[in-house]
Amino acid sequence: MGFHRTHEIVPINPTERFPANVTAIVIVFALHQHYQAFTVFGRCMPERVTGLSPATIVSEDAMHIALEDESGYLKLSPPNEGWTPGRYKVEIHTGEQVNEMSLMGTMRFTIVASGTESD
């Protein structure tokens, strides 16, 4: 390891489509320069999923970002009932708590029935 070596998280085979039997969905992101530590929160909600209200939080995670971090990730575990096929939205928040002012962006992904072309 060299003097200027950093810990960087890099996605392998990134995709936006996952089979319903996936064990976790990992969202990897790069960070801009920052001057203090903070927390990144991810809240996953159904966007177009049959039988689920769009207001339901089905999975969430948080990661503490240190001053030296250049990247990070959020790991979304499946709900207790498993992933239901459909389109999901992940709200990305930063700060000390989640509110309308802490929203930094959104990401979306699709869950497809297991056994389809995305397995």
Protein backbone atom coordinates (compact mmCIF):
# COMPACT_ATOMS: atom_id res chain seq x y z
CA MET A 1 0.00 0.00 0.00
CA GLY A 2 1.37 3.35 -1.01
CA PHE A 3 1.20 6.61 0.88
CA HIS A 4 -1.66 7.99 -1.25
CA ARG A 5 -3.67 4.77 -1.37
CA THR A 6 -7.35 5.16 -0.47
CA HIS A 7 -10.18 2.78 0.26
CA GLU A 8 -12.52 2.98 -2.72
CA ILE A 9 -15.70 0.94 -3.14
CA VAL A 10 -16.26 -0.04 -6.77
CA PRO A 11 -19.38 -1.79 -8.12
CA ILE A 12 -18.92 -5.08 -9.99
CA ASN A 13 -21.38 -5.79 -12.81
CA PRO A 14 -23.72 -2.89 -11.97
CA THR A 15 -27.37 -3.31 -12.93
CA GLU A 16 -30.81 -1.90 -12.23
CA ARG A 17 -32.64 -5.26 -12.53
CA PHE A 18 -32.54 -7.96 -9.87
CA PRO A 19 -34.28 -11.33 -9.45
CA ALA A 20 -36.84 -11.60 -6.64
CA ASN A 21 -34.59 -14.07 -4.80
CA VAL A 22 -31.62 -11.67 -4.55
CA THR A 23 -30.15 -11.68 -1.02
CA ALA A 24 -29.40 -7.93 -0.96
CA ILE A 25 -29.24 -4.89 -3.21
CA VAL A 26 -26.10 -2.80 -2.79
CA ILE A 27 -26.07 0.82 -3.91
CA VAL A 28 -22.52 2.11 -4.42
CA PHE A 29 -21.83 5.84 -4.70
CA ALA A 30 -18.91 8.24 -5.07
CA LEU A 31 -18.59 11.26 -2.79
CA HIS A 32 -17.57 14.85 -3.40
CA GLN A 33 -14.94 16.39 -1.15
CA HIS A 34 -16.36 16.96 2.32
CA TYR A 35 -14.98 18.65 5.41
CA GLN A 36 -16.75 16.74 8.15
CA ALA A 37 -18.17 13.28 8.79
CA PHE A 38 -21.85 12.68 8.11
CA THR A 39 -24.39 9.88 7.70
CA VAL A 40 -26.02 8.69 4.48
CA PHE A 41 -29.46 7.10 4.80
CA GLY A 42 -31.26 5.00 2.20
CA ARG A 43 -35.01 4.36 2.36
CA CYS A 44 -36.51 1.95 -0.17
CA MET A 45 -40.18 2.24 -1.13
CA PRO A 46 -42.28 0.57 -3.83
CA GLU A 47 -42.92 2.86 -6.77
CA ARG A 48 -44.92 0.52 -9.01
CA VAL A 49 -45.40 -2.73 -7.10
CA THR A 50 -48.75 -4.54 -7.10
CA GLY A 51 -50.24 -4.78 -3.62
CA LEU A 52 -47.81 -2.38 -1.90
CA SER A 53 -48.46 1.25 -0.99
CA PRO A 54 -45.84 3.69 -2.34
CA ALA A 55 -45.57 5.15 1.18
CA THR A 56 -44.38 1.83 2.69
CA ILE A 57 -40.69 1.65 3.61
CA VAL A 58 -39.71 -1.92 2.72
CA SER A 59 -35.97 -1.68 3.45
CA GLU A 60 -33.50 0.86 4.79
CA ASP A 61 -29.84 1.24 5.67
CA ALA A 62 -27.43 3.91 6.89
CA MET A 63 -23.67 4.42 6.58
CA HIS A 64 -21.41 6.73 8.55
CA ILE A 65 -19.11 8.60 6.16
CA ALA A 66 -15.72 9.54 7.59
CA LEU A 67 -13.68 12.54 6.48
CA GLU A 68 -11.31 10.41 4.39
CA ASP A 69 -14.03 8.40 2.59
CA GLU A 70 -14.28 8.87 -1.18
CA SER A 71 -17.10 6.39 -1.73
CA GLY A 72 -19.72 4.48 0.19
CA TYR A 73 -22.56 2.00 -0.08
CA LEU A 74 -25.99 1.15 1.24
CA LYS A 75 -27.10 -2.48 1.57
CA LEU A 76 -30.84 -3.06 1.22
CA SER A 77 -31.98 -6.41 2.59
CA PRO A 78 -35.20 -7.94 1.28
CA PRO A 79 -38.39 -7.40 3.28
CA ASN A 80 -39.46 -10.27 5.57
CA GLU A 81 -41.83 -11.52 2.84
CA GLY A 82 -39.10 -11.23 0.18
CA TRP A 83 -38.98 -8.87 -2.79
CA THR A 84 -42.21 -8.50 -4.76
CA PRO A 85 -41.59 -7.95 -8.50
CA GLY A 86 -41.98 -4.33 -9.58
CA ARG A 87 -40.25 -0.94 -9.60
CA TYR A 88 -38.71 0.47 -6.39
CA LYS A 89 -37.40 3.91 -5.45
CA VAL A 90 -34.59 4.56 -2.97
CA GLU A 91 -34.42 7.99 -1.37
CA ILE A 92 -30.86 9.00 -0.44
CA HIS A 93 -30.65 11.37 2.53
CA THR A 94 -27.63 12.94 4.28
CA GLY A 95 -27.21 14.57 7.65
CA GLU A 96 -28.32 13.66 11.14
CA GLN A 97 -31.94 12.72 10.39
CA VAL A 98 -34.28 12.02 7.49
CA ASN A 99 -36.60 14.85 6.44
CA GLU A 100 -37.59 16.73 3.28
CA MET A 101 -34.48 18.97 3.55
CA SER A 102 -32.03 16.06 3.83
CA LEU A 103 -33.04 14.42 0.52
CA MET A 104 -30.02 14.43 -1.81
CA GLY A 105 -31.31 12.22 -4.60
CA THR A 106 -33.16 9.10 -5.63
CA MET A 107 -32.22 5.84 -7.32
CA ARG A 108 -34.53 3.25 -8.83
CA PHE A 109 -34.34 -0.46 -9.50
CA THR A 110 -36.61 -3.22 -10.75
CA ILE A 111 -37.25 -6.62 -9.19
CA VAL A 112 -38.21 -9.32 -11.69
CA ALA A 113 -39.73 -12.71 -10.95
CA SER A 114 -37.08 -15.36 -10.24
CA GLY A 115 -36.42 -17.59 -13.21
CA THR A 116 -36.64 -14.80 -15.81
CA GLU A 117 -33.86 -13.51 -18.03
CA SER A 118 -32.38 -11.33 -15.24
CA ASP A 119 -31.42 -14.30 -13.00
